[in-house]
N, C-alpha and C. Protein backbone atom coordinates (compact mmCIF):
# COMPACT_ATOMS: atom_id res chain seq x y z
N UNK A 1 19.05 -0.01 -3.58
CA UNK A 1 18.12 0.26 -2.51
C UNK A 1 17.25 -0.96 -2.22
N UNK A 2 16.76 -1.61 -3.25
CA UNK A 2 15.87 -2.75 -3.03
C UNK A 2 16.59 -3.89 -2.31
N UNK A 3 17.86 -4.08 -2.60
CA UNK A 3 18.62 -5.13 -1.91
C UNK A 3 18.80 -4.80 -0.44
N UNK A 4 19.05 -3.54 -0.15
CA UNK A 4 19.20 -3.12 1.24
C UNK A 4 17.88 -3.31 1.99
N UNK A 5 16.79 -2.97 1.36
CA UNK A 5 15.48 -3.14 1.98
C UNK A 5 15.17 -4.62 2.21
N UNK A 6 15.53 -5.44 1.26
CA UNK A 6 15.28 -6.88 1.37
C UNK A 6 16.06 -7.50 2.54
N UNK A 7 17.20 -6.91 2.88
CA UNK A 7 18.00 -7.44 3.99
C UNK A 7 17.36 -7.14 5.35
N UNK A 8 16.48 -6.15 5.39
CA UNK A 8 15.83 -5.81 6.65
C UNK A 8 14.64 -6.74 6.85
N UNK A 9 14.78 -7.64 7.76
CA UNK A 9 13.68 -8.57 8.03
C UNK A 9 13.03 -8.26 9.36
N UNK A 10 13.00 -6.99 9.70
CA UNK A 10 12.40 -6.50 10.93
C UNK A 10 11.50 -5.32 10.56
N UNK A 11 10.21 -5.46 10.81
CA UNK A 11 9.25 -4.42 10.42
C UNK A 11 9.59 -3.07 11.05
N UNK A 12 10.07 -3.08 12.26
CA UNK A 12 10.44 -1.83 12.93
C UNK A 12 11.56 -1.11 12.20
N UNK A 13 12.54 -1.86 11.74
CA UNK A 13 13.65 -1.25 11.01
C UNK A 13 13.20 -0.73 9.65
N UNK A 14 12.31 -1.45 8.99
CA UNK A 14 11.78 -0.99 7.71
C UNK A 14 11.03 0.32 7.91
N UNK A 15 10.23 0.38 8.96
CA UNK A 15 9.49 1.61 9.25
C UNK A 15 10.44 2.77 9.53
N UNK A 16 11.45 2.52 10.34
CA UNK A 16 12.44 3.57 10.64
C UNK A 16 13.14 4.04 9.38
N UNK A 17 13.50 3.10 8.50
CA UNK A 17 14.17 3.47 7.25
C UNK A 17 13.27 4.37 6.41
N UNK A 18 12.00 3.98 6.28
CA UNK A 18 11.07 4.80 5.49
C UNK A 18 10.91 6.19 6.10
N UNK A 19 10.82 6.26 7.42
CA UNK A 19 10.69 7.57 8.08
C UNK A 19 11.94 8.42 7.90
N UNK A 20 13.10 7.78 7.80
CA UNK A 20 14.34 8.51 7.58
C UNK A 20 14.46 9.01 6.14
N UNK A 21 13.96 8.23 5.20
CA UNK A 21 14.13 8.56 3.79
C UNK A 21 13.04 9.44 3.20
N UNK A 22 11.82 9.29 3.72
CA UNK A 22 10.68 9.98 3.13
C UNK A 22 10.28 11.19 3.96
N UNK A 23 9.72 12.18 3.29
CA UNK A 23 9.17 13.34 4.00
C UNK A 23 7.86 12.92 4.67
N UNK A 24 7.39 13.69 5.63
CA UNK A 24 6.10 13.37 6.23
C UNK A 24 4.97 13.26 5.20
N UNK A 25 4.97 14.13 4.20
CA UNK A 25 3.94 14.08 3.16
C UNK A 25 4.05 12.79 2.34
N UNK A 26 5.27 12.37 2.05
CA UNK A 26 5.46 11.13 1.30
C UNK A 26 5.02 9.92 2.13
N UNK A 27 5.27 9.96 3.43
CA UNK A 27 4.82 8.87 4.32
C UNK A 27 3.29 8.80 4.33
N UNK A 28 2.63 9.96 4.40
CA UNK A 28 1.16 9.98 4.37
C UNK A 28 0.64 9.45 3.04
N UNK A 29 1.27 9.85 1.95
CA UNK A 29 0.85 9.37 0.62
C UNK A 29 1.01 7.86 0.50
N UNK A 30 2.10 7.35 1.00
CA UNK A 30 2.35 5.91 0.95
C UNK A 30 1.33 5.15 1.80
N UNK A 31 1.05 5.66 2.98
CA UNK A 31 0.05 5.04 3.86
C UNK A 31 -1.33 5.08 3.21
N UNK A 32 -1.66 6.18 2.56
CA UNK A 32 -2.94 6.31 1.88
C UNK A 32 -3.05 5.32 0.73
N UNK A 33 -2.00 5.20 -0.04
CA UNK A 33 -2.01 4.24 -1.16
C UNK A 33 -2.19 2.82 -0.64
N UNK A 34 -1.53 2.49 0.46
CA UNK A 34 -1.67 1.15 1.04
C UNK A 34 -3.10 0.91 1.50
N UNK A 35 -3.71 1.92 2.13
CA UNK A 35 -5.11 1.81 2.56
C UNK A 35 -6.03 1.58 1.36
N UNK A 36 -5.78 2.29 0.28
CA UNK A 36 -6.56 2.12 -0.94
C UNK A 36 -6.47 0.68 -1.42
N UNK A 37 -5.26 0.17 -1.48
CA UNK A 37 -5.04 -1.19 -1.97
C UNK A 37 -5.70 -2.23 -1.06
N UNK A 38 -5.63 -2.03 0.25
CA UNK A 38 -6.25 -2.98 1.18
C UNK A 38 -7.76 -3.03 0.97
N UNK A 39 -8.39 -1.87 0.84
CA UNK A 39 -9.85 -1.84 0.66
C UNK A 39 -10.26 -2.45 -0.67
N UNK A 40 -9.49 -2.17 -1.72
CA UNK A 40 -9.79 -2.77 -3.02
C UNK A 40 -9.65 -4.28 -2.96
N UNK A 41 -8.63 -4.75 -2.28
CA UNK A 41 -8.40 -6.19 -2.15
C UNK A 41 -9.55 -6.85 -1.41
N UNK A 42 -10.20 -6.13 -0.51
CA UNK A 42 -11.35 -6.65 0.22
C UNK A 42 -12.60 -6.71 -0.64
N UNK A 43 -12.50 -6.19 -1.87
CA UNK A 43 -13.64 -6.26 -2.78
C UNK A 43 -14.49 -5.00 -2.83
N UNK A 44 -14.04 -3.95 -2.19
CA UNK A 44 -14.80 -2.69 -2.19
C UNK A 44 -14.75 -2.06 -3.57
N UNK A 45 -15.78 -1.32 -3.92
CA UNK A 45 -15.81 -0.64 -5.22
C UNK A 45 -14.86 0.55 -5.20
N UNK A 46 -14.40 0.92 -6.38
CA UNK A 46 -13.48 2.05 -6.46
C UNK A 46 -14.12 3.32 -5.94
N UNK A 47 -15.35 3.53 -6.28
CA UNK A 47 -16.04 4.75 -5.85
C UNK A 47 -16.20 4.78 -4.32
N UNK A 48 -16.54 3.66 -3.70
CA UNK A 48 -16.71 3.65 -2.24
C UNK A 48 -15.36 3.88 -1.54
N UNK A 49 -14.29 3.33 -2.10
CA UNK A 49 -12.96 3.56 -1.53
C UNK A 49 -12.60 5.04 -1.62
N UNK A 50 -12.83 5.64 -2.77
CA UNK A 50 -12.52 7.06 -2.96
C UNK A 50 -13.32 7.92 -1.97
N UNK A 51 -14.60 7.59 -1.81
CA UNK A 51 -15.44 8.36 -0.88
C UNK A 51 -14.99 8.18 0.56
N UNK A 52 -14.72 6.94 0.96
CA UNK A 52 -14.34 6.68 2.35
C UNK A 52 -13.02 7.35 2.72
N UNK A 53 -12.04 7.24 1.82
CA UNK A 53 -10.71 7.77 2.13
C UNK A 53 -10.53 9.23 1.69
N UNK A 54 -11.56 9.77 1.03
CA UNK A 54 -11.51 11.15 0.56
C UNK A 54 -10.30 11.39 -0.36
N UNK A 55 -10.17 10.50 -1.34
CA UNK A 55 -9.12 10.63 -2.35
C UNK A 55 -9.78 10.63 -3.72
N UNK A 56 -9.02 11.02 -4.72
CA UNK A 56 -9.59 11.06 -6.07
C UNK A 56 -9.79 9.66 -6.62
N UNK A 57 -10.76 9.55 -7.50
CA UNK A 57 -11.02 8.28 -8.16
C UNK A 57 -9.81 7.85 -8.99
N UNK A 58 -9.05 8.81 -9.49
CA UNK A 58 -7.83 8.49 -10.26
C UNK A 58 -6.83 7.71 -9.41
N UNK A 59 -6.65 8.12 -8.16
CA UNK A 59 -5.72 7.42 -7.27
C UNK A 59 -6.19 5.99 -7.01
N UNK A 60 -7.49 5.84 -6.85
CA UNK A 60 -8.04 4.51 -6.59
C UNK A 60 -7.92 3.64 -7.83
N UNK A 61 -8.16 4.21 -8.99
CA UNK A 61 -8.05 3.47 -10.24
C UNK A 61 -6.62 2.97 -10.45
N UNK A 62 -5.66 3.77 -10.09
CA UNK A 62 -4.26 3.33 -10.19
C UNK A 62 -4.03 2.09 -9.33
N UNK A 63 -4.56 2.11 -8.12
CA UNK A 63 -4.44 0.95 -7.25
C UNK A 63 -5.13 -0.28 -7.83
N UNK A 64 -6.30 -0.07 -8.42
CA UNK A 64 -7.04 -1.19 -9.01
C UNK A 64 -6.25 -1.82 -10.15
N UNK A 65 -5.57 -0.99 -10.93
CA UNK A 65 -4.75 -1.52 -12.03
C UNK A 65 -3.60 -2.37 -11.50
N UNK A 66 -3.03 -1.95 -10.40
CA UNK A 66 -1.94 -2.73 -9.80
C UNK A 66 -2.44 -4.11 -9.40
N UNK A 67 -3.60 -4.16 -8.76
CA UNK A 67 -4.13 -5.43 -8.28
C UNK A 67 -4.59 -6.34 -9.41
N UNK A 68 -4.93 -5.77 -10.56
CA UNK A 68 -5.40 -6.58 -11.69
C UNK A 68 -4.27 -7.30 -12.41
N UNK A 69 -3.06 -6.81 -12.25
CA UNK A 69 -1.93 -7.46 -12.91
C UNK A 69 -1.71 -8.84 -12.29
N UNK A 70 -1.44 -9.80 -13.11
CA UNK A 70 -1.24 -11.16 -12.62
C UNK A 70 0.01 -11.34 -11.79
N UNK A 71 0.98 -10.47 -11.96
CA UNK A 71 2.27 -10.63 -11.27
C UNK A 71 2.47 -9.59 -10.17
N UNK A 72 1.39 -9.03 -9.64
CA UNK A 72 1.49 -7.95 -8.67
C UNK A 72 2.03 -8.45 -7.33
N UNK A 73 3.12 -7.85 -6.90
CA UNK A 73 3.69 -8.16 -5.58
C UNK A 73 2.74 -7.67 -4.49
N UNK A 74 2.12 -6.53 -4.72
CA UNK A 74 1.18 -5.98 -3.76
C UNK A 74 0.04 -6.97 -3.52
N UNK A 75 -0.48 -7.55 -4.59
CA UNK A 75 -1.57 -8.51 -4.46
C UNK A 75 -1.12 -9.71 -3.62
N UNK A 76 0.10 -10.16 -3.84
CA UNK A 76 0.64 -11.27 -3.06
C UNK A 76 0.76 -10.89 -1.59
N UNK A 77 1.29 -9.70 -1.31
CA UNK A 77 1.43 -9.25 0.08
C UNK A 77 0.08 -9.11 0.77
N UNK A 78 -0.89 -8.56 0.08
CA UNK A 78 -2.21 -8.38 0.67
C UNK A 78 -2.96 -9.69 0.83
N UNK A 79 -2.51 -10.71 0.14
CA UNK A 79 -3.14 -12.00 0.26
C UNK A 79 -2.73 -12.76 1.51
N UNK A 80 -1.63 -12.34 2.13
CA UNK A 80 -1.19 -13.02 3.36
C UNK A 80 -1.87 -12.37 4.55
N UNK A 81 -2.29 -13.17 5.50
CA UNK A 81 -3.10 -12.70 6.62
C UNK A 81 -2.45 -11.60 7.44
N UNK A 82 -1.19 -11.75 7.80
CA UNK A 82 -0.54 -10.81 8.71
C UNK A 82 -0.27 -9.47 8.07
N UNK A 83 0.12 -9.44 6.81
CA UNK A 83 0.55 -8.21 6.16
C UNK A 83 -0.60 -7.28 5.85
N UNK A 84 -1.77 -7.80 5.50
CA UNK A 84 -2.86 -6.96 5.06
C UNK A 84 -3.37 -6.05 6.17
N UNK A 85 -3.12 -6.36 7.41
CA UNK A 85 -3.61 -5.54 8.51
C UNK A 85 -2.61 -4.45 8.91
N UNK A 86 -1.40 -4.53 8.40
CA UNK A 86 -0.38 -3.57 8.78
C UNK A 86 -0.32 -2.46 7.77
N UNK A 87 0.13 -1.28 8.20
CA UNK A 87 0.27 -0.16 7.28
C UNK A 87 1.68 0.00 6.78
């Protein structure tokens, strides 16, 4: 699956693939997790992110752990200007 995804170098096709594979609830969860990560990357506190997005502190803490890892792909993606604004 990861190789097939890597071959798609068109954001529209990636979005269509995710919509085809994931349920609406899974798409919402994925979008929520991405929003959590973006806000944390901006330097927001875990508690303020949880309050703003109305999610549990546990979900936010999971995102914070991802960003703290030195080899996080998410951290790399959020560090690029164009990607951090997209969902």
